[in-house]
Amino acid sequence: MTWDELTDQQELFEHFRFKSEPGQSLLRVDKFLFARLENTSRTRIRNAANAGNILVNNKPVKPNYRVKPGDLIQVVLPNPPREIELIPEDIPINIIYEDDDVIVVNKEAGMVVHPAYGNYTGTLVNALMWHFRDIPLFQTGELRPGLVHRIDKNTSGLLVVAKNELSLNILSKQFYERTTDRKYIALVWGTPDPPEGSISGNVGRNIRDRKIMQVFPDGSQGKPAITHYSVIEDLGYVSLVECKLETGRTHQIRVHFSYIKHPLFNDEEYGGEKILRGTTFAKYQQFVRNCFAILPRQALHAKSLSFDHPVTGKRLSFDSELPDDMKELIEKWREYTRGRE
């Protein structure tokens, strides 16, 4: 993966590229960028440089690097200030770890991570702005303060959030370099064959519906995406699967499993809300409808997360229990499978 692909992998950051003029006088890179980036402070630029997120001629540089004629400068920074007014909201959030630099949150299904069109309130960001209203990063006017990755509205599970700009830059670089470790648990229709493997295929916006994604197997569009999976329990017409992300595209697990004809159970956007396996008997059909009612969302949970602490460098690992709706759904299918046997 090239540095240019970072924006597509981590949609929370913007990529800038500058080529200095032949007559450029020697100038510190932080001053050079400060004069060219709108709504960006020199502190933010220095933090990006200290995290290794500013490159000159493809090599990381410190803030005091002197730009020379013909230099190629590349930089990744958090998004500019929001264009809408976001209101801090006193919404409960499940923080499972916190120190001076990071927060790890176990997000409930149904909560949007960050504000976007149609969802400007009730998001995790609104909640974080309330809970951490005394922390400078959450007062900066950012649309997505502290966020280095996200999970879908109707997916539950673990997220790491930075509490300061240096941590934000260092964590974003870890996600870019794929040194983090993220594992998900999903219930999918059928049993993937082989039971352990990888799904590869470029993921990009669906040609007909821009709100969802699709796989472009010929690589003509989208960006490379790889999902490693392992079936951990065969439940007859559905399977419990562990997924490990190598890349972090939007809806990656959901669209990849739909692509191999094993969509996530009750994933309405990718075809999993239909009864795709099993019998036509009325009793079975009613059983599946009851299962849909138990879990009225895609059966996906971000179960574990590991990363290096941005300040101490210590490897931190977190694990979370499956939410009650997924536990109940899985037990229902276990009972059904035992009954068939």
C-alpha atoms as a PDB file:
ATOM      1  CA  MET A   1       0.000   0.000   0.000  1.00  0.00           C
ATOM      2  CA  THR A   2       1.264   3.463  -0.841  1.00  0.00           C
ATOM      3  CA  TRP A   3       1.101   6.532   1.364  1.00  0.00           C
ATOM      4  CA  ASP A   4      -1.437   7.995  -1.100  1.00  0.00           C
ATOM      5  CA  GLU A   5      -3.931   5.278  -0.195  1.00  0.00           C
ATOM      6  CA  LEU A   6      -4.088   6.324   3.450  1.00  0.00           C
ATOM      7  CA  THR A   7      -7.100   8.587   3.044  1.00  0.00           C
ATOM      8  CA  ASP A   8      -9.153   5.734   1.609  1.00  0.00           C
ATOM      9  CA  GLN A   9      -8.149   3.298   4.341  1.00  0.00           C
ATOM     10  CA  GLN A  10      -8.605   5.742   7.206  1.00  0.00           C
ATOM     11  CA  GLU A  11     -11.417   7.988   6.071  1.00  0.00           C
ATOM     12  CA  LEU A  12     -10.911  10.193   9.102  1.00  0.00           C
ATOM     13  CA  PHE A  13      -7.831  11.887   7.643  1.00  0.00           C
ATOM     14  CA  GLU A  14      -7.034  14.073   4.673  1.00  0.00           C
ATOM     15  CA  HIS A  15      -3.929  13.824   2.535  1.00  0.00           C
ATOM     16  CA  PHE A  16      -2.016  16.897   1.372  1.00  0.00           C
ATOM     17  CA  ARG A  17       0.873  17.048  -1.103  1.00  0.00           C
ATOM     18  CA  PHE A  18       3.093  20.002  -1.967  1.00  0.00           C
ATOM     19  CA  LYS A  19       6.103  20.433  -4.246  1.00  0.00           C
ATOM     20  CA  SER A  20       8.367  23.308  -3.270  1.00  0.00           C
ATOM     21  CA  GLU A  21       9.277  25.802  -5.991  1.00  0.00           C
ATOM     22  CA  PRO A  22      12.763  25.889  -7.596  1.00  0.00           C
ATOM     23  CA  GLY A  23      13.373  29.243  -5.905  1.00  0.00           C
ATOM     24  CA  GLN A  24      12.206  28.122  -2.446  1.00  0.00           C
ATOM     25  CA  SER A  25      14.363  29.566   0.329  1.00  0.00           C
ATOM     26  CA  LEU A  26      15.288  27.327   3.257  1.00  0.00           C
ATOM     27  CA  LEU A  27      12.246  27.294   5.575  1.00  0.00           C
ATOM     28  CA  ARG A  28      11.191  25.089   8.483  1.00  0.00           C
ATOM     29  CA  VAL A  29       8.622  22.544   7.314  1.00  0.00           C
ATOM     30  CA  ASP A  30       6.138  23.518  10.043  1.00  0.00           C
ATOM     31  CA  LYS A  31       6.228  27.133   8.837  1.00  0.00           C
ATOM     32  CA  PHE A  32       6.042  26.006   5.210  1.00  0.00           C
ATOM     33  CA  LEU A  33       2.878  23.985   5.892  1.00  0.00           C
ATOM     34  CA  PHE A  34       1.324  26.525   8.234  1.00  0.00           C
ATOM     35  CA  ALA A  35       1.290  29.014   5.367  1.00  0.00           C
ATOM     36  CA  ARG A  36      -0.434  26.533   3.055  1.00  0.00           C
ATOM     37  CA  LEU A  37      -2.969  24.672   5.214  1.00  0.00           C
ATOM     38  CA  GLU A  38      -6.168  26.448   6.181  1.00  0.00           C
ATOM     39  CA  ASN A  39      -7.606  26.092   9.703  1.00  0.00           C
ATOM     40  CA  THR A  40      -4.472  24.329  10.925  1.00  0.00           C
ATOM     41  CA  SER A  41      -2.273  25.386  13.819  1.00  0.00           C
ATOM     42  CA  ARG A  42       1.488  25.002  14.019  1.00  0.00           C
ATOM     43  CA  THR A  43       0.946  22.833  17.105  1.00  0.00           C
ATOM     44  CA  ARG A  44      -1.079  20.397  15.032  1.00  0.00           C
ATOM     45  CA  ILE A  45       1.575  20.363  12.330  1.00  0.00           C
ATOM     46  CA  ARG A  46       4.340  19.748  14.900  1.00  0.00           C
ATOM     47  CA  ASN A  47       2.329  16.889  16.444  1.00  0.00           C
ATOM     48  CA  ALA A  48       1.907  15.326  13.007  1.00  0.00           C
ATOM     49  CA  ALA A  49       5.648  15.617  12.354  1.00  0.00           C
ATOM     50  CA  ASN A  50       6.576  14.162  15.757  1.00  0.00           C
ATOM     51  CA  ALA A  51       4.301  11.197  15.025  1.00  0.00           C
ATOM     52  CA  GLY A  52       6.059  10.565  11.707  1.00  0.00           C
ATOM     53  CA  ASN A  53       3.082  11.723   9.631  1.00  0.00           C
ATOM     54  CA  ILE A  54       4.933  14.375   7.618  1.00  0.00           C
ATOM     55  CA  LEU A  55       7.176  13.063   4.873  1.00  0.00           C
ATOM     56  CA  VAL A  56       9.684  14.907   2.707  1.00  0.00           C
ATOM     57  CA  ASN A  57      10.805  12.947  -0.319  1.00  0.00           C
ATOM     58  CA  ASN A  58       9.145   9.857   1.226  1.00  0.00           C
ATOM     59  CA  LYS A  59      11.026  10.075   4.534  1.00  0.00           C
ATOM     60  CA  PRO A  60       9.552  11.231   7.889  1.00  0.00           C
ATOM     61  CA  VAL A  61      10.922  14.547   9.105  1.00  0.00           C
ATOM     62  CA  LYS A  62      10.786  16.579  12.311  1.00  0.00           C
ATOM     63  CA  PRO A  63       9.189  20.057  12.532  1.00  0.00           C
ATOM     64  CA  ASN A  64      12.546  21.804  12.195  1.00  0.00           C
ATOM     65  CA  TYR A  65      13.404  20.193   8.838  1.00  0.00           C
ATOM     66  CA  ARG A  66      14.344  22.909   6.325  1.00  0.00           C
ATOM     67  CA  VAL A  67      12.393  22.681   3.075  1.00  0.00           C
ATOM     68  CA  LYS A  68      14.661  22.937   0.015  1.00  0.00           C
ATOM     69  CA  PRO A  69      13.845  23.660  -3.641  1.00  0.00           C
ATOM     70  CA  GLY A  70      12.114  20.725  -5.330  1.00  0.00           C
ATOM     71  CA  ASP A  71      11.176  18.903  -2.100  1.00  0.00           C
ATOM     72  CA  LEU A  72       8.016  16.760  -2.164  1.00  0.00           C
ATOM     73  CA  ILE A  73       6.101  17.279   1.101  1.00  0.00           C
ATOM     74  CA  GLN A  74       3.293  14.889   2.105  1.00  0.00           C
ATOM     75  CA  VAL A  75       1.161  15.268   5.218  1.00  0.00           C
ATOM     76  CA  VAL A  76      -1.770  13.585   6.923  1.00  0.00           C
ATOM     77  CA  LEU A  77      -3.782  15.603   9.430  1.00  0.00           C
ATOM     78  CA  PRO A  78      -7.122  15.259  11.202  1.00  0.00           C
ATOM     79  CA  ASN A  79     -10.078  16.725   9.336  1.00  0.00           C
ATOM     80  CA  PRO A  80     -10.554  20.515   9.459  1.00  0.00           C
ATOM     81  CA  PRO A  81     -13.057  22.112  11.853  1.00  0.00           C
ATOM     82  CA  ARG A  82     -16.670  21.128  11.457  1.00  0.00           C
ATOM     83  CA  GLU A  83     -19.057  23.214   9.405  1.00  0.00           C
ATOM     84  CA  ILE A  84     -21.993  22.467  11.694  1.00  0.00           C
ATOM     85  CA  GLU A  85     -22.435  23.120  15.384  1.00  0.00           C
ATOM     86  CA  LEU A  86     -22.168  19.911  17.379  1.00  0.00           C
ATOM     87  CA  ILE A  87     -23.732  19.799  20.813  1.00  0.00           C
ATOM     88  CA  PRO A  88     -22.162  17.846  23.684  1.00  0.00           C
ATOM     89  CA  GLU A  89     -24.779  15.385  24.943  1.00  0.00           C
ATOM     90  CA  ASP A  90     -24.980  13.534  28.254  1.00  0.00           C
ATOM     91  CA  ILE A  91     -25.267  10.073  26.700  1.00  0.00           C
ATOM     92  CA  PRO A  92     -24.021   7.020  28.640  1.00  0.00           C
ATOM     93  CA  ILE A  93     -20.997   5.324  27.105  1.00  0.00           C
ATOM     94  CA  ASN A  94     -19.221   2.182  28.244  1.00  0.00           C
ATOM     95  CA  ILE A  95     -15.570   3.130  28.759  1.00  0.00           C
ATOM     96  CA  ILE A  96     -13.596  -0.017  29.543  1.00  0.00           C
ATOM     97  CA  TYR A  97     -10.162   1.632  29.705  1.00  0.00           C
ATOM     98  CA  GLU A  98      -8.904   5.188  30.135  1.00  0.00           C
ATOM     99  CA  ASP A  99      -5.634   6.961  30.843  1.00  0.00           C
ATOM    100  CA  ASP A 100      -4.228  10.393  29.997  1.00  0.00           C
ATOM    101  CA  ASP A 101      -3.784   9.536  26.325  1.00  0.00           C
ATOM    102  CA  VAL A 102      -6.406   7.036  25.170  1.00  0.00           C
ATOM    103  CA  ILE A 103      -9.922   5.769  25.810  1.00  0.00           C
ATOM    104  CA  VAL A 104     -11.272   2.357  24.816  1.00  0.00           C
ATOM    105  CA  VAL A 105     -15.041   2.259  24.390  1.00  0.00           C
ATOM    106  CA  ASN A 106     -17.372  -0.715  24.018  1.00  0.00           C
ATOM    107  CA  LYS A 107     -20.005   0.767  21.694  1.00  0.00           C
ATOM    108  CA  GLU A 108     -23.579  -0.443  21.756  1.00  0.00           C
ATOM    109  CA  ALA A 109     -25.328  -1.381  18.531  1.00  0.00           C
ATOM    110  CA  GLY A 110     -27.537   1.418  17.251  1.00  0.00           C
ATOM    111  CA  MET A 111     -25.149   4.263  18.103  1.00  0.00           C
ATOM    112  CA  VAL A 112     -23.585   6.186  15.213  1.00  0.00           C
ATOM    113  CA  VAL A 113     -19.869   6.814  15.816  1.00  0.00           C
ATOM    114  CA  HIS A 114     -19.522  10.299  14.362  1.00  0.00           C
ATOM    115  CA  PRO A 115     -21.888  12.970  13.023  1.00  0.00           C
ATOM    116  CA  ALA A 116     -22.775  12.855   9.358  1.00  0.00           C
ATOM    117  CA  TYR A 117     -25.678  13.832   7.153  1.00  0.00           C
ATOM    118  CA  GLY A 118     -28.874  12.870   8.965  1.00  0.00           C
ATOM    119  CA  ASN A 119     -27.090  12.043  12.231  1.00  0.00           C
ATOM    120  CA  TYR A 120     -25.907  15.198  13.967  1.00  0.00           C
ATOM    121  CA  THR A 121     -27.048  14.193  17.451  1.00  0.00           C
ATOM    122  CA  GLY A 122     -26.936  11.064  19.569  1.00  0.00           C
ATOM    123  CA  THR A 123     -23.554   9.960  18.248  1.00  0.00           C
ATOM    124  CA  LEU A 124     -20.535   8.671  20.127  1.00  0.00           C
ATOM    125  CA  VAL A 125     -18.782  11.962  19.341  1.00  0.00           C
ATOM    126  CA  ASN A 126     -21.605  13.950  20.969  1.00  0.00           C
ATOM    127  CA  ALA A 127     -21.219  11.748  24.037  1.00  0.00           C
ATOM    128  CA  LEU A 128     -17.416  12.079  24.101  1.00  0.00           C
ATOM    129  CA  MET A 129     -17.693  15.869  23.814  1.00  0.00           C
ATOM    130  CA  TRP A 130     -19.790  15.844  26.991  1.00  0.00           C
ATOM    131  CA  HIS A 131     -17.736  13.367  29.000  1.00  0.00           C
ATOM    132  CA  PHE A 132     -14.409  15.000  28.055  1.00  0.00           C
ATOM    133  CA  ARG A 133     -15.518  18.620  27.725  1.00  0.00           C
ATOM    134  CA  ASP A 134     -12.508  19.777  29.777  1.00  0.00           C
ATOM    135  CA  ILE A 135      -9.991  18.148  27.404  1.00  0.00           C
ATOM    136  CA  PRO A 136      -8.668  20.511  24.683  1.00  0.00           C
ATOM    137  CA  LEU A 137      -8.990  17.996  21.827  1.00  0.00           C
ATOM    138  CA  PHE A 138     -12.746  17.809  22.371  1.00  0.00           C
ATOM    139  CA  GLN A 139     -13.046  21.612  22.259  1.00  0.00           C
ATOM    140  CA  THR A 140     -11.229  22.163  18.961  1.00  0.00           C
ATOM    141  CA  GLY A 141     -14.207  22.182  16.621  1.00  0.00           C
ATOM    142  CA  GLU A 142     -13.283  18.859  15.029  1.00  0.00           C
ATOM    143  CA  LEU A 143     -16.043  16.836  13.433  1.00  0.00           C
ATOM    144  CA  ARG A 144     -14.444  13.607  14.671  1.00  0.00           C
ATOM    145  CA  PRO A 145     -12.257  14.503  17.658  1.00  0.00           C
ATOM    146  CA  GLY A 146      -9.940  11.695  18.708  1.00  0.00           C
ATOM    147  CA  LEU A 147     -11.262   9.127  16.238  1.00  0.00           C
ATOM    148  CA  VAL A 148      -8.765   6.956  14.378  1.00  0.00           C
ATOM    149  CA  HIS A 149     -11.202   4.245  13.222  1.00  0.00           C
ATOM    150  CA  ARG A 150     -14.902   3.506  13.413  1.00  0.00           C
ATOM    151  CA  ILE A 151     -17.479   0.726  13.373  1.00  0.00           C
ATOM    152  CA  ASP A 152     -20.903   0.805  11.756  1.00  0.00           C
ATOM    153  CA  LYS A 153     -23.998   2.076  13.539  1.00  0.00           C
ATOM    154  CA  ASN A 154     -25.520  -1.383  13.948  1.00  0.00           C
ATOM    155  CA  THR A 155     -22.244  -3.120  14.791  1.00  0.00           C
ATOM    156  CA  SER A 156     -21.307  -3.348  18.463  1.00  0.00           C
ATOM    157  CA  GLY A 157     -17.857  -3.513  20.015  1.00  0.00           C
ATOM    158  CA  LEU A 158     -14.501  -1.944  20.753  1.00  0.00           C
ATOM    159  CA  LEU A 159     -13.092   1.389  19.595  1.00  0.00           C
ATOM    160  CA  VAL A 160      -9.965   3.265  20.672  1.00  0.00           C
ATOM    161  CA  VAL A 161     -10.175   7.061  20.881  1.00  0.00           C
ATOM    162  CA  ALA A 162      -7.235   9.444  21.360  1.00  0.00           C
ATOM    163  CA  LYS A 163      -7.371  12.114  24.087  1.00  0.00           C
ATOM    164  CA  ASN A 164      -4.737  14.437  22.634  1.00  0.00           C
ATOM    165  CA  GLU A 165      -3.343  15.305  19.225  1.00  0.00           C
ATOM    166  CA  LEU A 166      -0.027  13.507  19.597  1.00  0.00           C
ATOM    167  CA  SER A 167      -1.810  10.263  20.497  1.00  0.00           C
ATOM    168  CA  LEU A 168      -4.221  10.829  17.610  1.00  0.00           C
ATOM    169  CA  ASN A 169      -1.353  11.076  15.139  1.00  0.00           C
ATOM    170  CA  ILE A 170       0.575   8.091  16.518  1.00  0.00           C
ATOM    171  CA  LEU A 171      -2.497   5.836  16.634  1.00  0.00           C
ATOM    172  CA  SER A 172      -3.524   6.818  13.115  1.00  0.00           C
ATOM    173  CA  LYS A 173      -0.076   5.777  11.898  1.00  0.00           C
ATOM    174  CA  GLN A 174      -0.468   2.382  13.593  1.00  0.00           C
ATOM    175  CA  PHE A 175      -3.741   1.803  11.765  1.00  0.00           C
ATOM    176  CA  TYR A 176      -2.101   2.873   8.511  1.00  0.00           C
ATOM    177  CA  GLU A 177       0.847   0.526   9.044  1.00  0.00           C
ATOM    178  CA  ARG A 178      -1.503  -2.309  10.116  1.00  0.00           C
ATOM    179  CA  THR A 179       0.239  -2.925  13.430  1.00  0.00           C
ATOM    180  CA  THR A 180      -3.081  -2.950  15.280  1.00  0.00           C
ATOM    181  CA  ASP A 181      -5.005  -6.184  15.704  1.00  0.00           C
ATOM    182  CA  ARG A 182      -8.803  -6.255  15.356  1.00  0.00           C
ATOM    183  CA  LYS A 183     -10.990  -9.332  15.570  1.00  0.00           C
ATOM    184  CA  TYR A 184     -14.722  -9.530  14.978  1.00  0.00           C
ATOM    185  CA  ILE A 185     -17.337 -12.205  15.595  1.00  0.00           C
ATOM    186  CA  ALA A 186     -20.062 -12.628  12.967  1.00  0.00           C
ATOM    187  CA  LEU A 187     -22.966 -14.982  12.360  1.00  0.00           C
ATOM    188  CA  VAL A 188     -23.204 -15.705   8.641  1.00  0.00           C
ATOM    189  CA  TRP A 189     -25.569 -17.672   6.447  1.00  0.00           C
ATOM    190  CA  GLY A 190     -24.262 -21.137   5.530  1.00  0.00           C
ATOM    191  CA  THR A 191     -20.745 -22.447   6.135  1.00  0.00           C
ATOM    192  CA  PRO A 192     -17.849 -20.872   4.215  1.00  0.00           C
ATOM    193  CA  ASP A 193     -15.719 -23.368   2.297  1.00  0.00           C
ATOM    194  CA  PRO A 194     -12.905 -23.682   3.171  1.00  0.00           C
ATOM    195  CA  PRO A 195     -13.717 -23.156   6.871  1.00  0.00           C
ATOM    196  CA  GLU A 196     -10.576 -21.049   7.267  1.00  0.00           C
ATOM    197  CA  GLY A 197      -9.216 -18.649   4.697  1.00  0.00           C
ATOM    198  CA  SER A 198      -9.032 -15.111   3.367  1.00  0.00           C
ATOM    199  CA  ILE A 199     -11.357 -12.998   1.260  1.00  0.00           C
ATOM    200  CA  SER A 200      -9.652 -10.575  -1.124  1.00  0.00           C
ATOM    201  CA  GLY A 201     -11.264  -8.074  -3.429  1.00  0.00           C
ATOM    202  CA  ASN A 202     -11.237  -4.332  -3.928  1.00  0.00           C
ATOM    203  CA  VAL A 203     -13.991  -2.567  -1.995  1.00  0.00           C
ATOM    204  CA  GLY A 204     -15.546   0.673  -3.224  1.00  0.00           C
ATOM    205  CA  ARG A 205     -18.842   2.533  -3.393  1.00  0.00           C
ATOM    206  CA  ASN A 206     -21.671   0.625  -5.035  1.00  0.00           C
ATOM    207  CA  ILE A 207     -22.239   1.896  -8.570  1.00  0.00           C
ATOM    208  CA  ARG A 208     -26.043   2.072  -8.137  1.00  0.00           C
ATOM    209  CA  ASP A 209     -26.314   2.916  -4.419  1.00  0.00           C
ATOM    210  CA  ARG A 210     -23.595   5.147  -2.952  1.00  0.00           C
ATOM    211  CA  LYS A 211     -24.699   4.378   0.617  1.00  0.00           C
ATOM    212  CA  ILE A 212     -23.375   0.832   0.413  1.00  0.00           C
ATOM    213  CA  MET A 213     -20.196  -0.804  -0.856  1.00  0.00           C
ATOM    214  CA  GLN A 214     -19.415  -3.481  -3.410  1.00  0.00           C
ATOM    215  CA  VAL A 215     -16.513  -5.741  -4.346  1.00  0.00           C
ATOM    216  CA  PHE A 216     -14.668  -5.103  -7.613  1.00  0.00           C
ATOM    217  CA  PRO A 217     -12.834  -8.418  -8.167  1.00  0.00           C
ATOM    218  CA  ASP A 218     -11.052  -7.134 -11.269  1.00  0.00           C
ATOM    219  CA  GLY A 219      -9.552  -4.246  -9.276  1.00  0.00           C
ATOM    220  CA  SER A 220     -11.027  -1.681 -11.650  1.00  0.00           C
ATOM    221  CA  GLN A 221     -12.422   0.413  -8.796  1.00  0.00           C
ATOM    222  CA  GLY A 222     -12.235   0.658  -5.032  1.00  0.00           C
ATOM    223  CA  LYS A 223      -9.241  -0.109  -2.856  1.00  0.00           C
ATOM    224  CA  PRO A 224      -7.584  -3.418  -1.926  1.00  0.00           C
ATOM    225  CA  ALA A 225      -9.258  -5.178   1.005  1.00  0.00           C
ATOM    226  CA  ILE A 226      -8.383  -8.426   2.806  1.00  0.00           C
ATOM    227  CA  THR A 227     -10.431 -10.197   5.477  1.00  0.00           C
ATOM    228  CA  HIS A 228      -9.092 -13.335   7.197  1.00  0.00           C
ATOM    229  CA  TYR A 229     -11.722 -15.635   8.669  1.00  0.00           C
ATOM    230  CA  SER A 230     -12.145 -18.880  10.590  1.00  0.00           C
ATOM    231  CA  VAL A 231     -15.377 -20.800  11.237  1.00  0.00           C
ATOM    232  CA  ILE A 232     -15.529 -21.374  14.996  1.00  0.00           C
ATOM    233  CA  GLU A 233     -18.931 -23.078  15.159  1.00  0.00           C
ATOM    234  CA  ASP A 234     -21.058 -24.706  12.469  1.00  0.00           C
ATOM    235  CA  LEU A 235     -24.734 -24.288  13.380  1.00  0.00           C
ATOM    236  CA  GLY A 236     -26.210 -25.997  10.360  1.00  0.00           C
ATOM    237  CA  TYR A 237     -27.782 -23.288   8.251  1.00  0.00           C
ATOM    238  CA  VAL A 238     -25.638 -20.551   9.816  1.00  0.00           C
ATOM    239  CA  SER A 239     -22.069 -20.378  11.131  1.00  0.00           C
ATOM    240  CA  LEU A 240     -20.259 -18.431  13.813  1.00  0.00           C
ATOM    241  CA  VAL A 241     -17.133 -16.909  12.270  1.00  0.00           C
ATOM    242  CA  GLU A 242     -14.112 -15.031  13.643  1.00  0.00           C
ATOM    243  CA  CYS A 243     -12.819 -12.335  11.298  1.00  0.00           C
ATOM    244  CA  LYS A 244      -9.485 -10.532  11.395  1.00  0.00           C
ATOM    245  CA  LEU A 245      -9.112  -7.342   9.403  1.00  0.00           C
ATOM    246  CA  GLU A 246      -5.933  -6.788   7.442  1.00  0.00           C
ATOM    247  CA  THR A 247      -7.361  -3.626   5.878  1.00  0.00           C
ATOM    248  CA  GLY A 248     -10.091  -1.358   7.222  1.00  0.00           C
ATOM    249  CA  ARG A 249     -12.480  -0.466   4.397  1.00  0.00           C
ATOM    250  CA  THR A 250     -16.011   0.750   5.024  1.00  0.00           C
ATOM    251  CA  HIS A 251     -18.392  -2.213   5.560  1.00  0.00           C
ATOM    252  CA  GLN A 252     -15.508  -4.543   4.695  1.00  0.00           C
ATOM    253  CA  ILE A 253     -16.593  -7.697   6.549  1.00  0.00           C
ATOM    254  CA  ARG A 254     -20.209  -7.271   5.537  1.00  0.00           C
ATOM    255  CA  VAL A 255     -19.550  -6.757   1.829  1.00  0.00           C
ATOM    256  CA  HIS A 256     -16.847  -9.442   1.663  1.00  0.00           C
ATOM    257  CA  PHE A 257     -19.109 -12.152   3.099  1.00  0.00           C
ATOM    258  CA  SER A 258     -21.957 -11.074   0.855  1.00  0.00           C
ATOM    259  CA  TYR A 259     -19.550 -11.364  -2.070  1.00  0.00           C
ATOM    260  CA  ILE A 260     -18.751 -15.025  -1.242  1.00  0.00           C
ATOM    261  CA  LYS A 261     -22.504 -15.781  -0.870  1.00  0.00           C
ATOM    262  CA  HIS A 262     -22.449 -15.994   2.928  1.00  0.00           C
ATOM    263  CA  PRO A 263     -23.927 -12.637   4.012  1.00  0.00           C
ATOM    264  CA  LEU A 264     -24.142 -11.723   7.669  1.00  0.00           C
ATOM    265  CA  PHE A 265     -27.345 -12.839   9.375  1.00  0.00           C
ATOM    266  CA  ASN A 266     -30.010 -10.113   9.152  1.00  0.00           C
ATOM    267  CA  ASP A 267     -27.759  -7.687   7.260  1.00  0.00           C
ATOM    268  CA  GLU A 268     -30.435  -5.772   5.394  1.00  0.00           C
ATOM    269  CA  GLU A 269     -28.038  -3.787   3.215  1.00  0.00           C
ATOM    270  CA  TYR A 270     -26.155  -6.841   1.944  1.00  0.00           C
ATOM    271  CA  GLY A 271     -28.904  -9.438   1.514  1.00  0.00           C
ATOM    272  CA  GLY A 272     -28.718 -11.213   4.871  1.00  0.00           C
ATOM    273  CA  GLU A 273     -32.244 -10.285   5.964  1.00  0.00           C
ATOM    274  CA  LYS A 274     -33.748 -13.022   3.772  1.00  0.00           C
ATOM    275  CA  ILE A 275     -34.013 -16.716   4.677  1.00  0.00           C
ATOM    276  CA  LEU A 276     -31.108 -17.951   2.569  1.00  0.00           C
ATOM    277  CA  ARG A 277     -30.553 -21.470   3.949  1.00  0.00           C
ATOM    278  CA  GLY A 278     -32.776 -24.168   5.370  1.00  0.00           C
ATOM    279  CA  THR A 279     -36.178 -25.648   4.621  1.00  0.00           C
ATOM    280  CA  THR A 280     -39.481 -24.291   3.358  1.00  0.00           C
ATOM    281  CA  PHE A 281     -41.371 -25.743   6.324  1.00  0.00           C
ATOM    282  CA  ALA A 282     -43.539 -23.140   8.029  1.00  0.00           C
ATOM    283  CA  LYS A 283     -42.109 -24.028  11.455  1.00  0.00           C
ATOM    284  CA  TYR A 284     -38.548 -23.330  10.285  1.00  0.00           C
ATOM    285  CA  GLN A 285     -39.545 -20.139   8.505  1.00  0.00           C
ATOM    286  CA  GLN A 286     -41.192 -18.882  11.710  1.00  0.00           C
ATOM    287  CA  PHE A 287     -38.110 -19.850  13.722  1.00  0.00           C
ATOM    288  CA  VAL A 288     -35.893 -17.697  11.498  1.00  0.00           C
ATOM    289  CA  ARG A 289     -38.330 -14.774  11.680  1.00  0.00           C
ATOM    290  CA  ASN A 290     -38.187 -15.062  15.477  1.00  0.00           C
ATOM    291  CA  CYS A 291     -34.386 -14.964  15.233  1.00  0.00           C
ATOM    292  CA  PHE A 292     -34.557 -11.811  13.111  1.00  0.00           C
ATOM    293  CA  ALA A 293     -36.710 -10.247  15.857  1.00  0.00           C
ATOM    294  CA  ILE A 294     -34.124 -11.141  18.517  1.00  0.00           C
ATOM    295  CA  LEU A 295     -31.361  -9.385  16.570  1.00  0.00           C
ATOM    296  CA  PRO A 296     -32.864  -6.689  14.309  1.00  0.00           C
ATOM    297  CA  ARG A 297     -29.440  -5.758  12.864  1.00  0.00           C
ATOM    298  CA  GLN A 298     -26.427  -7.396  11.249  1.00  0.00           C
ATOM    299  CA  ALA A 299     -24.863 -10.055  13.480  1.00  0.00           C
ATOM    300  CA  LEU A 300     -21.438  -8.450  13.905  1.00  0.00           C
ATOM    301  CA  HIS A 301     -19.433  -7.536  16.997  1.00  0.00           C
ATOM    302  CA  ALA A 302     -15.935  -5.988  17.237  1.00  0.00           C
ATOM    303  CA  LYS A 303     -14.731  -8.348  19.947  1.00  0.00           C
ATOM    304  CA  SER A 304     -11.027  -7.648  20.485  1.00  0.00           C
ATOM    305  CA  LEU A 305      -8.575  -4.839  19.870  1.00  0.00           C
ATOM    306  CA  SER A 306      -4.794  -4.545  20.350  1.00  0.00           C
ATOM    307  CA  PHE A 307      -2.478  -1.594  19.754  1.00  0.00           C
ATOM    308  CA  ASP A 308       0.727  -0.047  21.074  1.00  0.00           C
ATOM    309  CA  HIS A 309       0.169   2.700  23.620  1.00  0.00           C
ATOM    310  CA  PRO A 310       1.040   5.982  21.851  1.00  0.00           C
ATOM    311  CA  VAL A 311       3.211   7.233  24.733  1.00  0.00           C
ATOM    312  CA  THR A 312       4.599   4.206  26.588  1.00  0.00           C
ATOM    313  CA  GLY A 313       4.801   1.907  23.566  1.00  0.00           C
ATOM    314  CA  LYS A 314       3.379  -0.947  25.667  1.00  0.00           C
ATOM    315  CA  ARG A 315       1.122  -3.368  23.800  1.00  0.00           C
ATOM    316  CA  LEU A 316      -2.459  -3.059  25.076  1.00  0.00           C
ATOM    317  CA  SER A 317      -5.051  -5.750  24.368  1.00  0.00           C
ATOM    318  CA  PHE A 318      -8.761  -5.650  25.103  1.00  0.00           C
ATOM    319  CA  ASP A 319     -11.546  -8.183  24.764  1.00  0.00           C
ATOM    320  CA  SER A 320     -15.303  -7.762  25.107  1.00  0.00           C
ATOM    321  CA  GLU A 321     -18.207 -10.108  25.660  1.00  0.00           C
ATOM    322  CA  LEU A 322     -20.752 -10.603  22.929  1.00  0.00           C
ATOM    323  CA  PRO A 323     -23.802  -8.381  23.507  1.00  0.00           C
ATOM    324  CA  ASP A 324     -26.944 -10.005  24.890  1.00  0.00           C
ATOM    325  CA  ASP A 325     -28.819  -9.965  21.573  1.00  0.00           C
ATOM    326  CA  MET A 326     -26.071 -11.919  19.804  1.00  0.00           C
ATOM    327  CA  LYS A 327     -25.721 -14.355  22.715  1.00  0.00           C
ATOM    328  CA  GLU A 328     -29.445 -15.053  22.654  1.00  0.00           C
ATOM    329  CA  LEU A 329     -29.450 -15.467  18.873  1.00  0.00           C
ATOM    330  CA  ILE A 330     -26.527 -17.923  18.905  1.00  0.00           C
ATOM    331  CA  GLU A 331     -28.110 -19.978  21.692  1.00  0.00           C
ATOM    332  CA  LYS A 332     -31.365 -20.152  19.700  1.00  0.00           C
ATOM    333  CA  TRP A 333     -29.495 -21.606  16.734  1.00  0.00           C
ATOM    334  CA  ARG A 334     -27.641 -24.062  18.997  1.00  0.00           C
ATOM    335  CA  GLU A 335     -30.948 -25.294  20.389  1.00  0.00           C
ATOM    336  CA  TYR A 336     -32.347 -25.650  16.874  1.00  0.00           C
ATOM    337  CA  THR A 337     -29.276 -27.599  15.725  1.00  0.00           C
ATOM    338  CA  ARG A 338     -29.460 -29.941  18.723  1.00  0.00           C
ATOM    339  CA  GLY A 339     -33.153 -30.510  17.983  1.00  0.00           C
ATOM    340  CA  ARG A 340     -32.370 -31.512  14.395  1.00  0.00           C
ATOM    341  CA  GLU A 341     -29.726 -33.970  15.559  1.00  0.00           C
END
